[in-house]
């Protein structure tokens, strides 16, 4: 099992770029296709701690579901986390995790600096 993990959506160009960056740098990562994975609140909370961000900062605010659920009006972390568990498409991508730290790979070049840190 790799000590590096990527939360990946193969249909996302930025996520595919992140995979290419990992491959070009000889990094073997455990690939988590998070849209198909069984996510739970504990996983999202752990990820937020590794990213050192609030739940809203992990969300794709331009997604139709985000707007439909009016999540921009929600200040409760628990509600936002549960929304991401129920609708994983709301989670920003790609995310690379190394140990107790993580980075959102937007732009994907942030991953190179993260891997070298």
Protein backbone atom coordinates (compact mmCIF):
# COMPACT_ATOMS: atom_id res chain seq x y z
CA UNK A 1 0.00 0.00 0.00
CA UNK A 2 1.33 3.43 -0.95
CA UNK A 3 1.92 6.17 1.60
CA UNK A 4 0.41 8.60 -0.91
CA UNK A 5 -3.24 8.62 -1.85
CA UNK A 6 -5.14 10.59 -4.48
CA UNK A 7 -8.87 11.22 -4.45
CA UNK A 8 -9.48 11.03 -8.17
CA UNK A 9 -12.29 11.56 -10.64
CA UNK A 10 -11.23 10.14 -14.03
CA UNK A 11 -13.73 12.40 -15.82
CA UNK A 12 -12.10 15.57 -14.46
CA UNK A 13 -9.27 17.06 -16.53
CA UNK A 14 -7.52 18.53 -13.46
CA UNK A 15 -7.69 15.16 -11.76
CA UNK A 16 -6.22 13.46 -14.82
CA UNK A 17 -3.45 16.08 -14.88
CA UNK A 18 -2.73 15.29 -11.24
CA UNK A 19 -2.40 11.61 -12.07
CA UNK A 20 0.05 12.50 -14.85
CA UNK A 21 2.11 14.60 -12.42
CA UNK A 22 2.30 11.71 -9.98
CA UNK A 23 3.35 9.31 -12.75
CA UNK A 24 5.94 11.73 -14.19
CA UNK A 25 7.46 12.07 -10.72
CA UNK A 26 7.57 8.32 -10.17
CA UNK A 27 5.00 8.44 -7.39
CA UNK A 28 2.91 5.35 -6.88
CA UNK A 29 -0.30 6.47 -5.25
CA UNK A 30 -3.30 4.61 -3.97
CA UNK A 31 -6.14 5.83 -6.19
CA UNK A 32 -9.46 6.46 -4.48
CA UNK A 33 -12.28 7.03 -6.93
CA UNK A 34 -14.19 8.97 -4.33
CA UNK A 35 -17.37 9.25 -6.40
CA UNK A 36 -17.67 5.45 -6.17
CA UNK A 37 -16.29 5.06 -2.64
CA UNK A 38 -18.37 4.65 0.48
CA UNK A 39 -17.52 7.94 2.20
CA UNK A 40 -18.56 8.71 5.74
CA UNK A 41 -18.42 11.76 7.99
CA UNK A 42 -15.26 10.56 9.75
CA UNK A 43 -13.40 10.33 6.42
CA UNK A 44 -14.39 13.87 5.44
CA UNK A 45 -13.50 15.25 8.90
CA UNK A 46 -10.11 13.55 8.74
CA UNK A 47 -9.51 14.97 5.28
CA UNK A 48 -10.45 18.46 6.45
CA UNK A 49 -7.92 18.19 9.27
CA UNK A 50 -5.20 17.11 6.85
CA UNK A 51 -6.07 19.97 4.51
CA UNK A 52 -6.42 22.39 7.44
CA UNK A 53 -9.52 23.98 5.90
CA UNK A 54 -13.21 24.41 6.67
CA UNK A 55 -15.84 22.22 5.00
CA UNK A 56 -17.01 25.00 2.67
CA UNK A 57 -13.45 25.30 1.30
CA UNK A 58 -13.57 21.65 0.18
CA UNK A 59 -16.77 22.13 -1.77
CA UNK A 60 -17.34 22.77 -5.45
CA UNK A 61 -19.49 25.87 -5.04
CA UNK A 62 -20.38 26.08 -8.74
CA UNK A 63 -22.02 22.64 -8.80
CA UNK A 64 -25.76 22.67 -9.45
CA UNK A 65 -26.35 20.54 -6.34
CA UNK A 66 -24.51 23.11 -4.19
CA UNK A 67 -26.81 25.84 -5.49
CA UNK A 68 -29.92 23.65 -5.30
CA UNK A 69 -29.26 22.84 -1.64
CA UNK A 70 -28.41 26.52 -0.92
CA UNK A 71 -25.25 25.41 0.85
CA UNK A 72 -23.81 28.91 0.57
CA UNK A 73 -26.32 29.84 3.28
CA UNK A 74 -25.24 27.05 5.64
CA UNK A 75 -22.76 27.85 8.38
CA UNK A 76 -22.92 24.47 10.11
CA UNK A 77 -19.85 22.30 9.38
CA UNK A 78 -21.80 19.13 10.15
CA UNK A 79 -24.47 19.92 7.57
CA UNK A 80 -21.83 20.65 4.93
CA UNK A 81 -19.92 17.45 5.73
CA UNK A 82 -23.11 15.38 5.52
CA UNK A 83 -23.89 16.99 2.16
CA UNK A 84 -20.48 15.89 0.84
CA UNK A 85 -21.04 12.36 2.14
CA UNK A 86 -24.42 12.19 0.44
CA UNK A 87 -23.31 13.98 -2.74
CA UNK A 88 -19.56 13.34 -3.23
CA UNK A 89 -19.65 15.31 -6.49
CA UNK A 90 -19.61 18.38 -4.22
CA UNK A 91 -16.04 17.56 -3.14
CA UNK A 92 -13.28 19.55 -4.82
CA UNK A 93 -10.74 17.47 -6.69
CA UNK A 94 -8.11 16.21 -7.03
CA UNK A 95 -6.83 15.74 -3.49
CA UNK A 96 -3.43 14.25 -2.74
CA UNK A 97 -2.80 12.92 0.75
CA UNK A 98 0.62 12.21 2.24
CA UNK A 99 0.71 11.19 5.89
CA UNK A 100 -1.14 13.74 7.98
CA UNK A 101 -1.19 16.38 5.28
CA UNK A 102 -3.12 16.89 2.08
CA UNK A 103 -3.47 19.36 -0.76
CA UNK A 104 -6.18 20.17 -3.25
CA UNK A 105 -4.46 19.99 -6.62
CA UNK A 106 -5.87 23.17 -8.13
CA UNK A 107 -3.88 24.12 -9.98
CA UNK A 108 -2.35 20.65 -10.37
CA UNK A 109 1.17 22.09 -10.07
CA UNK A 110 0.50 22.55 -6.33
CA UNK A 111 0.97 18.79 -6.10
CA UNK A 112 4.65 19.00 -7.10
CA UNK A 113 5.42 21.49 -4.31
CA UNK A 114 3.44 19.35 -1.87
CA UNK A 115 5.30 16.17 -2.78
CA UNK A 116 8.63 17.94 -2.37
CA UNK A 117 7.76 19.39 1.03
